[in-house]
N, C-alpha and C. Protein backbone atom coordinates (compact mmCIF):
# COMPACT_ATOMS: atom_id res chain seq x y z
N UNK A 1 -103.89 6.25 -35.84
CA UNK A 1 -103.11 6.55 -37.01
C UNK A 1 -101.69 7.19 -35.91
N UNK A 2 -102.04 7.97 -35.16
CA UNK A 2 -100.65 8.93 -34.53
C UNK A 2 -101.21 8.65 -33.04
N UNK A 3 -99.78 7.95 -32.29
CA UNK A 3 -99.76 7.53 -30.84
C UNK A 3 -100.19 8.90 -30.11
N UNK A 4 -101.12 8.85 -29.40
CA UNK A 4 -101.20 10.24 -27.93
C UNK A 4 -101.92 11.03 -28.99
N UNK A 5 -103.05 11.16 -29.90
CA UNK A 5 -103.68 12.11 -30.24
C UNK A 5 -104.07 12.90 -28.95
N UNK A 6 -104.37 12.83 -28.11
CA UNK A 6 -104.88 13.56 -26.97
C UNK A 6 -104.09 14.76 -26.26
N UNK A 7 -102.65 14.48 -27.25
CA UNK A 7 -101.59 15.71 -26.44
C UNK A 7 -101.01 16.44 -27.60
N UNK A 8 -102.49 16.89 -28.22
CA UNK A 8 -102.25 17.93 -29.56
C UNK A 8 -101.75 19.45 -28.62
N UNK A 9 -102.33 19.68 -27.07
CA UNK A 9 -101.28 20.78 -26.81
C UNK A 9 -99.97 21.19 -26.41
N UNK A 10 -99.31 19.55 -26.28
CA UNK A 10 -98.07 19.32 -26.86
C UNK A 10 -97.16 20.36 -28.37
N UNK A 11 -97.78 20.28 -28.89
CA UNK A 11 -97.21 20.98 -30.17
C UNK A 11 -97.07 22.39 -29.90
N UNK A 12 -97.78 23.35 -29.23
CA UNK A 12 -97.96 24.82 -28.72
C UNK A 12 -96.86 24.90 -27.56
N UNK A 13 -96.04 23.92 -26.99
CA UNK A 13 -95.03 24.10 -25.54
C UNK A 13 -93.97 24.51 -26.46
N UNK A 14 -93.06 25.81 -25.63
CA UNK A 14 -92.20 26.08 -26.01
C UNK A 14 -90.93 25.17 -25.67
N UNK A 15 -91.17 24.34 -24.80
CA UNK A 15 -89.76 23.18 -25.36
C UNK A 15 -89.85 22.49 -25.96
N UNK A 16 -90.42 22.43 -27.28
CA UNK A 16 -90.54 21.64 -28.41
C UNK A 16 -88.94 21.98 -29.29
N UNK A 17 -88.38 21.72 -29.96
CA UNK A 17 -87.16 22.07 -30.82
C UNK A 17 -87.48 21.42 -32.12
N UNK A 18 -86.60 22.72 -32.63
CA UNK A 18 -86.74 22.77 -34.73
C UNK A 18 -85.59 22.88 -34.91
N UNK A 19 -85.25 21.91 -35.63
CA UNK A 19 -84.16 21.47 -36.42
C UNK A 19 -84.00 22.00 -37.81
N UNK A 20 -82.74 22.19 -38.05
CA UNK A 20 -81.98 22.29 -39.31
C UNK A 20 -80.95 21.03 -39.53
N UNK A 21 -81.28 20.37 -39.99
CA UNK A 21 -80.41 19.25 -40.57
C UNK A 21 -79.11 19.70 -41.23
N UNK A 22 -77.94 18.70 -41.27
CA UNK A 22 -76.54 19.03 -42.20
C UNK A 22 -77.42 18.65 -43.50
N UNK A 23 -76.59 19.21 -44.43
CA UNK A 23 -77.11 19.59 -46.05
C UNK A 23 -77.97 20.43 -46.14
N UNK A 24 -78.71 20.80 -45.16
CA UNK A 24 -79.93 21.82 -45.54
C UNK A 24 -78.90 22.89 -45.51
N UNK A 25 -79.87 23.97 -46.36
CA UNK A 25 -78.91 25.56 -46.45
C UNK A 25 -80.15 26.29 -46.65
N UNK A 26 -80.31 27.35 -45.58
CA UNK A 26 -81.65 28.40 -45.75
C UNK A 26 -80.78 29.63 -45.94
N UNK A 27 -81.70 30.26 -47.13
CA UNK A 27 -81.14 31.67 -47.42
C UNK A 27 -82.30 32.54 -46.98
N UNK A 28 -82.17 33.74 -46.11
CA UNK A 28 -83.54 34.71 -45.44
C UNK A 28 -83.50 34.34 -44.21
N UNK A 29 -84.25 35.46 -43.40
CA UNK A 29 -83.72 35.18 -41.87
C UNK A 29 -85.14 34.01 -41.44
N UNK A 30 -84.81 33.91 -39.71
CA UNK A 30 -85.30 32.74 -39.36
C UNK A 30 -86.14 33.01 -37.98
N UNK A 31 -87.02 32.86 -37.65
CA UNK A 31 -87.32 33.36 -36.51
C UNK A 31 -88.03 31.80 -35.61
N UNK A 32 -87.95 31.47 -34.70
CA UNK A 32 -88.44 30.59 -34.02
C UNK A 32 -88.94 30.85 -32.72
N UNK A 33 -90.24 30.38 -32.23
CA UNK A 33 -90.65 30.79 -30.91
C UNK A 33 -89.97 29.88 -29.96
N UNK A 34 -89.25 29.03 -29.87
CA UNK A 34 -89.03 27.58 -28.83
C UNK A 34 -87.29 27.31 -29.67
N UNK A 35 -86.71 26.28 -29.14
CA UNK A 35 -85.23 26.29 -29.19
C UNK A 35 -85.16 25.92 -30.86
N UNK A 36 -83.76 25.75 -30.78
CA UNK A 36 -83.45 25.68 -31.99
C UNK A 36 -81.89 24.87 -32.40
N UNK A 37 -81.93 23.84 -32.83
CA UNK A 37 -80.60 23.06 -33.44
C UNK A 37 -80.05 23.39 -34.75
N UNK A 38 -79.40 24.17 -35.32
CA UNK A 38 -78.78 24.13 -36.29
C UNK A 38 -77.55 23.34 -36.89
N UNK A 39 -77.61 22.43 -37.72
CA UNK A 39 -76.66 21.74 -38.16
C UNK A 39 -76.45 21.85 -39.64
N UNK A 40 -77.11 22.98 -40.44
CA UNK A 40 -77.08 23.20 -41.65
C UNK A 40 -76.53 24.37 -42.30
N UNK A 41 -76.80 25.10 -43.02
CA UNK A 41 -75.95 26.50 -43.08
C UNK A 41 -77.33 27.38 -43.07
N UNK A 42 -77.48 28.65 -42.25
CA UNK A 42 -78.62 29.76 -42.27
C UNK A 42 -77.49 30.98 -43.50
N UNK A 43 -77.92 31.10 -44.56
CA UNK A 43 -77.54 32.93 -44.46
C UNK A 43 -78.60 33.70 -44.28
N UNK A 44 -78.30 34.78 -43.44
CA UNK A 44 -79.61 35.47 -42.84
C UNK A 44 -79.38 35.24 -41.21
N UNK A 45 -80.27 36.53 -40.74
CA UNK A 45 -80.26 36.52 -39.53
C UNK A 45 -81.45 35.55 -39.06
N UNK A 46 -80.84 35.16 -37.38
CA UNK A 46 -81.89 34.22 -36.76
C UNK A 46 -82.19 35.15 -35.31
N UNK A 47 -83.61 35.06 -35.05
CA UNK A 47 -84.09 35.19 -33.81
C UNK A 47 -84.65 34.03 -33.26
N UNK A 48 -84.38 33.48 -31.91
CA UNK A 48 -84.86 32.41 -31.25
C UNK A 48 -85.26 32.60 -29.63
N UNK A 49 -86.78 32.62 -29.58
CA UNK A 49 -87.28 32.98 -28.02
C UNK A 49 -86.57 31.81 -26.72
N UNK A 50 -86.29 31.06 -27.41
CA UNK A 50 -85.62 29.95 -26.91
C UNK A 50 -83.72 29.56 -26.82
N UNK A 51 -83.15 28.47 -26.53
CA UNK A 51 -82.09 28.26 -26.70
C UNK A 51 -81.68 27.70 -28.29
N UNK A 52 -80.42 28.27 -28.91
CA UNK A 52 -79.88 28.16 -30.03
C UNK A 52 -78.62 27.35 -30.32
N UNK A 53 -78.79 26.13 -30.66
CA UNK A 53 -77.68 25.31 -30.73
C UNK A 53 -76.82 24.96 -31.88
N UNK A 54 -75.71 25.67 -32.39
CA UNK A 54 -75.17 25.47 -33.56
C UNK A 54 -74.11 24.14 -33.50
N UNK A 55 -74.55 23.30 -34.77
CA UNK A 55 -73.51 22.04 -34.62
C UNK A 55 -72.27 22.41 -34.94
N UNK A 56 -71.39 21.25 -34.88
CA UNK A 56 -69.80 21.58 -35.12
C UNK A 56 -69.95 21.57 -36.79
N UNK A 57 -70.85 21.33 -37.69
CA UNK A 57 -71.35 21.26 -39.28
C UNK A 57 -71.69 22.40 -39.35
N UNK A 58 -72.32 23.07 -38.66
CA UNK A 58 -73.34 24.32 -38.63
C UNK A 58 -72.54 25.84 -38.82
N UNK A 59 -73.39 26.42 -40.03
CA UNK A 59 -72.95 27.84 -40.05
C UNK A 59 -74.01 28.60 -40.40
N UNK A 60 -73.61 29.91 -39.74
CA UNK A 60 -74.74 31.12 -40.04
C UNK A 60 -74.00 32.28 -40.14
N UNK A 61 -74.10 32.65 -41.05
CA UNK A 61 -74.19 33.96 -41.50
C UNK A 61 -74.80 34.94 -41.84
N UNK A 62 -75.04 35.86 -40.56
CA UNK A 62 -75.85 36.64 -40.05
C UNK A 62 -75.92 37.19 -38.62
N UNK A 63 -76.83 38.00 -38.20
CA UNK A 63 -76.85 37.90 -36.60
C UNK A 63 -77.88 37.17 -36.02
N UNK A 64 -76.85 36.91 -34.81
CA UNK A 64 -78.16 35.88 -34.01
C UNK A 64 -78.64 36.67 -32.57
N UNK A 65 -79.99 36.53 -32.32
CA UNK A 65 -80.67 37.04 -30.78
C UNK A 65 -81.42 35.29 -30.17
N UNK A 66 -80.70 35.66 -29.47
CA UNK A 66 -81.52 34.30 -28.47
C UNK A 66 -81.73 34.58 -26.93
N UNK A 67 -81.89 34.01 -26.20
CA UNK A 67 -81.87 33.51 -24.74
C UNK A 67 -80.69 33.06 -24.79
N UNK A 68 -80.54 32.01 -25.23
CA UNK A 68 -79.18 31.68 -24.76
C UNK A 68 -78.39 30.61 -25.66
N UNK A 69 -77.31 30.59 -25.90
CA UNK A 69 -76.33 30.42 -27.40
C UNK A 69 -75.45 29.40 -27.02
N UNK A 70 -75.44 27.84 -27.88
CA UNK A 70 -74.12 27.24 -27.67
C UNK A 70 -73.77 26.42 -28.96
N UNK A 71 -72.30 27.51 -29.28
CA UNK A 71 -71.89 27.44 -30.52
C UNK A 71 -70.70 26.49 -30.69
N UNK A 72 -70.69 25.43 -31.71
CA UNK A 72 -69.69 24.44 -31.90
C UNK A 72 -69.04 24.78 -33.24
N UNK A 73 -69.76 25.17 -34.55
CA UNK A 73 -70.19 25.25 -35.58
C UNK A 73 -69.06 27.05 -35.77
N UNK A 74 -69.67 27.51 -36.91
CA UNK A 74 -69.01 28.73 -37.40
C UNK A 74 -70.10 29.79 -37.55
N UNK A 75 -69.76 31.28 -36.67
CA UNK A 75 -70.79 32.16 -36.98
C UNK A 75 -70.26 33.41 -37.90
N UNK A 76 -70.65 33.54 -38.74
CA UNK A 76 -70.06 35.28 -39.32
C UNK A 76 -71.52 36.51 -39.00
N UNK A 77 -71.72 36.75 -37.97
CA UNK A 77 -72.66 38.33 -37.25
C UNK A 77 -72.37 38.30 -36.23
N UNK A 78 -73.35 39.32 -35.95
CA UNK A 78 -73.41 39.71 -34.51
C UNK A 78 -73.62 39.05 -33.54
N UNK A 79 -74.03 38.38 -32.18
CA UNK A 79 -74.32 37.51 -31.27
C UNK A 79 -75.00 38.14 -30.32
N UNK A 80 -76.33 38.08 -29.74
CA UNK A 80 -76.58 38.58 -28.50
C UNK A 80 -77.81 37.71 -28.07
N UNK A 81 -76.77 37.19 -26.92
CA UNK A 81 -77.76 35.86 -26.05
C UNK A 81 -77.89 36.84 -24.71
N UNK A 82 -79.03 36.80 -24.55
CA UNK A 82 -79.45 37.75 -23.48
C UNK A 82 -79.28 36.67 -21.75
N UNK A 83 -79.13 35.42 -22.20
CA UNK A 83 -78.76 34.97 -20.71
C UNK A 83 -77.47 34.24 -20.91
N UNK A 84 -77.05 33.35 -21.93
CA UNK A 84 -75.95 32.76 -21.67
C UNK A 84 -75.14 32.38 -23.08
N UNK A 85 -73.91 32.20 -23.64
CA UNK A 85 -73.26 32.29 -24.71
C UNK A 85 -72.47 31.04 -24.11
N UNK A 86 -72.02 29.43 -24.59
CA UNK A 86 -71.21 28.71 -24.74
C UNK A 86 -70.35 28.37 -26.00
N UNK A 87 -69.34 28.63 -25.81
CA UNK A 87 -68.32 28.77 -27.04
C UNK A 87 -67.36 27.24 -27.06
N UNK A 88 -67.71 26.49 -27.75
CA UNK A 88 -66.78 24.94 -27.43
C UNK A 88 -65.63 25.32 -28.31
N UNK A 89 -64.58 24.46 -28.00
CA UNK A 89 -63.54 24.35 -28.52
C UNK A 89 -63.37 24.62 -30.16
N UNK A 90 -64.58 24.11 -30.50
CA UNK A 90 -64.26 23.99 -32.21
C UNK A 90 -65.25 25.28 -32.84
N UNK A 91 -65.55 25.96 -32.09
CA UNK A 91 -66.64 27.33 -32.46
C UNK A 91 -65.43 28.52 -32.92
N UNK A 92 -66.40 28.90 -34.05
CA UNK A 92 -65.86 30.04 -34.64
C UNK A 92 -66.29 31.65 -34.69
N UNK A 93 -66.37 32.52 -34.00
CA UNK A 93 -67.10 33.56 -34.50
C UNK A 93 -65.98 34.73 -35.00
N UNK A 94 -67.19 35.20 -36.10
CA UNK A 94 -66.41 36.69 -36.17
C UNK A 94 -67.77 37.67 -36.73
N UNK A 95 -67.32 38.34 -35.48
CA UNK A 95 -68.76 39.33 -35.24
C UNK A 95 -68.81 39.74 -33.81
N UNK A 96 -69.33 41.00 -33.32
CA UNK A 96 -69.13 41.47 -31.91
C UNK A 96 -70.68 40.84 -31.18
N UNK A 97 -70.06 40.34 -29.92
CA UNK A 97 -70.81 39.56 -28.74
C UNK A 97 -71.21 40.43 -27.63
N UNK A 98 -72.82 40.27 -27.13
CA UNK A 98 -73.05 40.82 -26.17
C UNK A 98 -74.17 39.61 -25.49
N UNK A 99 -73.59 39.57 -24.49
CA UNK A 99 -74.27 38.50 -23.59
C UNK A 99 -74.06 39.12 -21.92
N UNK A 100 -75.24 38.06 -21.27
CA UNK A 100 -75.40 38.13 -20.02
C UNK A 100 -74.19 37.35 -19.30
N UNK A 101 -73.86 36.12 -20.17
CA UNK A 101 -72.79 35.47 -19.29
C UNK A 101 -72.22 34.72 -20.31
N UNK A 102 -70.82 34.26 -20.47
CA UNK A 102 -70.17 33.84 -21.53
C UNK A 102 -69.28 32.25 -20.70
N UNK A 103 -69.06 31.46 -21.67
CA UNK A 103 -68.12 30.46 -21.17
C UNK A 103 -67.35 30.01 -22.60
N UNK A 104 -66.08 30.12 -22.55
CA UNK A 104 -65.20 29.88 -23.81
C UNK A 104 -64.35 29.03 -23.41
N UNK A 105 -64.26 27.43 -24.19
CA UNK A 105 -63.66 26.73 -24.27
C UNK A 105 -62.39 26.82 -24.75
N UNK A 106 -61.28 26.07 -24.46
CA UNK A 106 -60.06 26.27 -25.19
C UNK A 106 -60.07 25.63 -26.42
N UNK A 107 -59.53 26.46 -27.36
CA UNK A 107 -59.48 26.40 -28.72
C UNK A 107 -60.54 27.27 -29.67
N UNK A 108 -61.82 27.61 -28.98
CA UNK A 108 -62.59 28.98 -29.29
C UNK A 108 -61.87 29.83 -30.14
N UNK A 109 -62.37 30.16 -31.48
CA UNK A 109 -61.65 31.41 -32.10
C UNK A 109 -62.77 32.79 -31.57
N UNK A 110 -62.56 33.61 -31.43
CA UNK A 110 -63.35 35.02 -31.29
C UNK A 110 -62.19 36.32 -32.35
N UNK A 111 -63.15 36.78 -33.60
CA UNK A 111 -62.64 37.81 -34.07
C UNK A 111 -63.87 39.06 -33.82
N UNK A 112 -63.47 40.29 -33.26
CA UNK A 112 -64.86 40.78 -32.49
C UNK A 112 -64.69 41.39 -30.87
N UNK A 113 -65.64 42.71 -30.87
CA UNK A 113 -65.78 42.61 -29.32
C UNK A 113 -66.83 41.82 -28.75
N UNK A 114 -66.45 41.93 -27.09
CA UNK A 114 -67.59 40.99 -26.35
C UNK A 114 -67.76 41.90 -25.20
N UNK A 115 -69.27 41.92 -24.72
CA UNK A 115 -69.37 42.43 -23.54
C UNK A 115 -70.29 41.74 -23.22
N UNK A 116 -70.13 41.64 -21.63
CA UNK A 116 -71.02 41.32 -21.06
C UNK A 116 -71.61 41.76 -20.12
N UNK A 117 -72.65 41.16 -19.07
CA UNK A 117 -73.31 41.79 -18.16
C UNK A 117 -75.04 41.62 -18.52
N UNK A 118 -75.39 42.49 -17.70
CA UNK A 118 -77.19 42.68 -17.94
C UNK A 118 -77.32 43.05 -19.19
N UNK A 119 -77.80 42.18 -19.71
CA UNK A 119 -78.19 42.68 -21.04
C UNK A 119 -80.18 43.53 -21.46
N UNK A 120 -80.11 43.36 -20.20
CA UNK A 120 -81.90 44.35 -20.15
C UNK A 120 -81.31 45.61 -20.13
N UNK A 121 -80.31 45.88 -19.83
CA UNK A 121 -80.36 47.62 -19.84
C UNK A 121 -80.19 48.05 -21.31
N UNK A 122 -80.99 49.16 -21.70
CA UNK A 122 -80.98 49.90 -22.85
C UNK A 122 -79.52 50.21 -23.35
N UNK A 123 -78.45 49.91 -22.62
CA UNK A 123 -77.07 50.45 -23.20
C UNK A 123 -76.51 49.10 -23.91
N UNK A 124 -76.86 49.06 -25.44
CA UNK A 124 -76.37 47.53 -26.25
C UNK A 124 -75.86 47.92 -26.91
N UNK A 125 -75.23 49.33 -27.55
CA UNK A 125 -74.06 49.76 -28.41
C UNK A 125 -74.04 49.13 -29.77
N UNK A 126 -72.66 48.07 -29.61
CA UNK A 126 -72.45 47.85 -31.08
C UNK A 126 -73.37 46.89 -31.74
N UNK A 127 -74.52 46.37 -30.64
CA UNK A 127 -75.30 45.87 -31.64
C UNK A 127 -76.43 46.22 -32.14
N UNK A 128 -76.05 47.67 -32.39
CA UNK A 128 -76.93 48.32 -32.85
C UNK A 128 -78.38 48.78 -32.42
N UNK A 129 -78.38 48.33 -31.18
CA UNK A 129 -79.64 48.96 -30.58
C UNK A 129 -79.75 49.72 -30.01
N UNK A 130 -80.14 50.67 -28.84
CA UNK A 130 -80.46 51.68 -28.26
C UNK A 130 -79.28 51.61 -27.03
N UNK A 131 -78.67 53.22 -27.22
CA UNK A 131 -78.01 53.21 -26.32
C UNK A 131 -78.34 54.39 -25.57
N UNK A 132 -77.71 54.58 -24.18
CA UNK A 132 -78.30 55.61 -23.24
C UNK A 132 -77.27 56.60 -22.65
N UNK A 133 -76.29 56.48 -24.17
CA UNK A 133 -74.97 57.50 -23.75
C UNK A 133 -75.80 58.88 -24.05
N UNK A 134 -75.18 59.71 -23.51
CA UNK A 134 -75.57 61.42 -23.32
C UNK A 134 -75.01 61.90 -24.27
N UNK A 135 -73.61 61.48 -24.21
CA UNK A 135 -72.27 62.42 -25.66
C UNK A 135 -71.25 61.81 -25.41
N UNK A 136 -70.62 61.73 -26.24
CA UNK A 136 -69.57 60.79 -26.72
C UNK A 136 -68.34 61.86 -25.97
N UNK A 137 -67.26 61.33 -25.35
CA UNK A 137 -65.89 61.71 -24.78
C UNK A 137 -65.03 61.93 -25.98
N UNK A 138 -64.60 62.85 -26.32
CA UNK A 138 -63.54 63.10 -26.94
C UNK A 138 -62.12 63.31 -26.04
N UNK A 139 -61.20 62.52 -26.91
CA UNK A 139 -59.98 62.59 -26.61
C UNK A 139 -59.69 63.45 -26.67
N UNK A 140 -58.35 64.45 -25.97
CA UNK A 140 -57.73 65.41 -26.46
C UNK A 140 -56.17 64.75 -26.49
N UNK A 141 -55.51 65.34 -27.33
CA UNK A 141 -54.41 65.05 -27.46
C UNK A 141 -53.41 65.64 -26.99
N UNK A 142 -52.07 65.55 -26.14
CA UNK A 142 -51.22 66.62 -25.83
C UNK A 142 -49.84 66.26 -26.60
N UNK A 143 -49.14 67.11 -26.67
CA UNK A 143 -47.93 67.73 -27.03
C UNK A 143 -46.98 65.91 -26.23
N UNK A 144 -46.06 65.34 -26.96
CA UNK A 144 -45.81 64.08 -26.74
C UNK A 144 -44.46 64.39 -25.59
N UNK A 145 -43.87 63.70 -24.77
CA UNK A 145 -42.92 63.93 -23.47
C UNK A 145 -41.92 62.90 -24.41
N UNK A 146 -40.52 63.50 -24.44
CA UNK A 146 -39.26 63.04 -24.70
C UNK A 146 -38.55 62.90 -23.35
């Protein structure tokens, strides 16, 4: 009935792709052990061990944590892309970004803080992760000079 019945091990391959098609709405957190493409809407956090692609009509209202993230749609939440974040010209992000590398096309919209560099370090600050700061520096206000 199914062609290639001997390839059952392929279903456990990390290269398989999960899809949430346009017109589909998911309310709740989503975890994927492989790559994920979202063309629908997710209201909740997304954790992806592979690459997350958000299509032009896709919407995520929650935090994203993935190895790589490519965005054409809209995100309202923090993004943690361990290796790479690509924001295409139709991308809209409202939230803080932490990524190893970032590519931003002309026209992409971002409202939030961006931190790039080695994401494997313990200092993840604004994403609510561990920070290795021993003490906060206080600014001292001096008398104005006229």
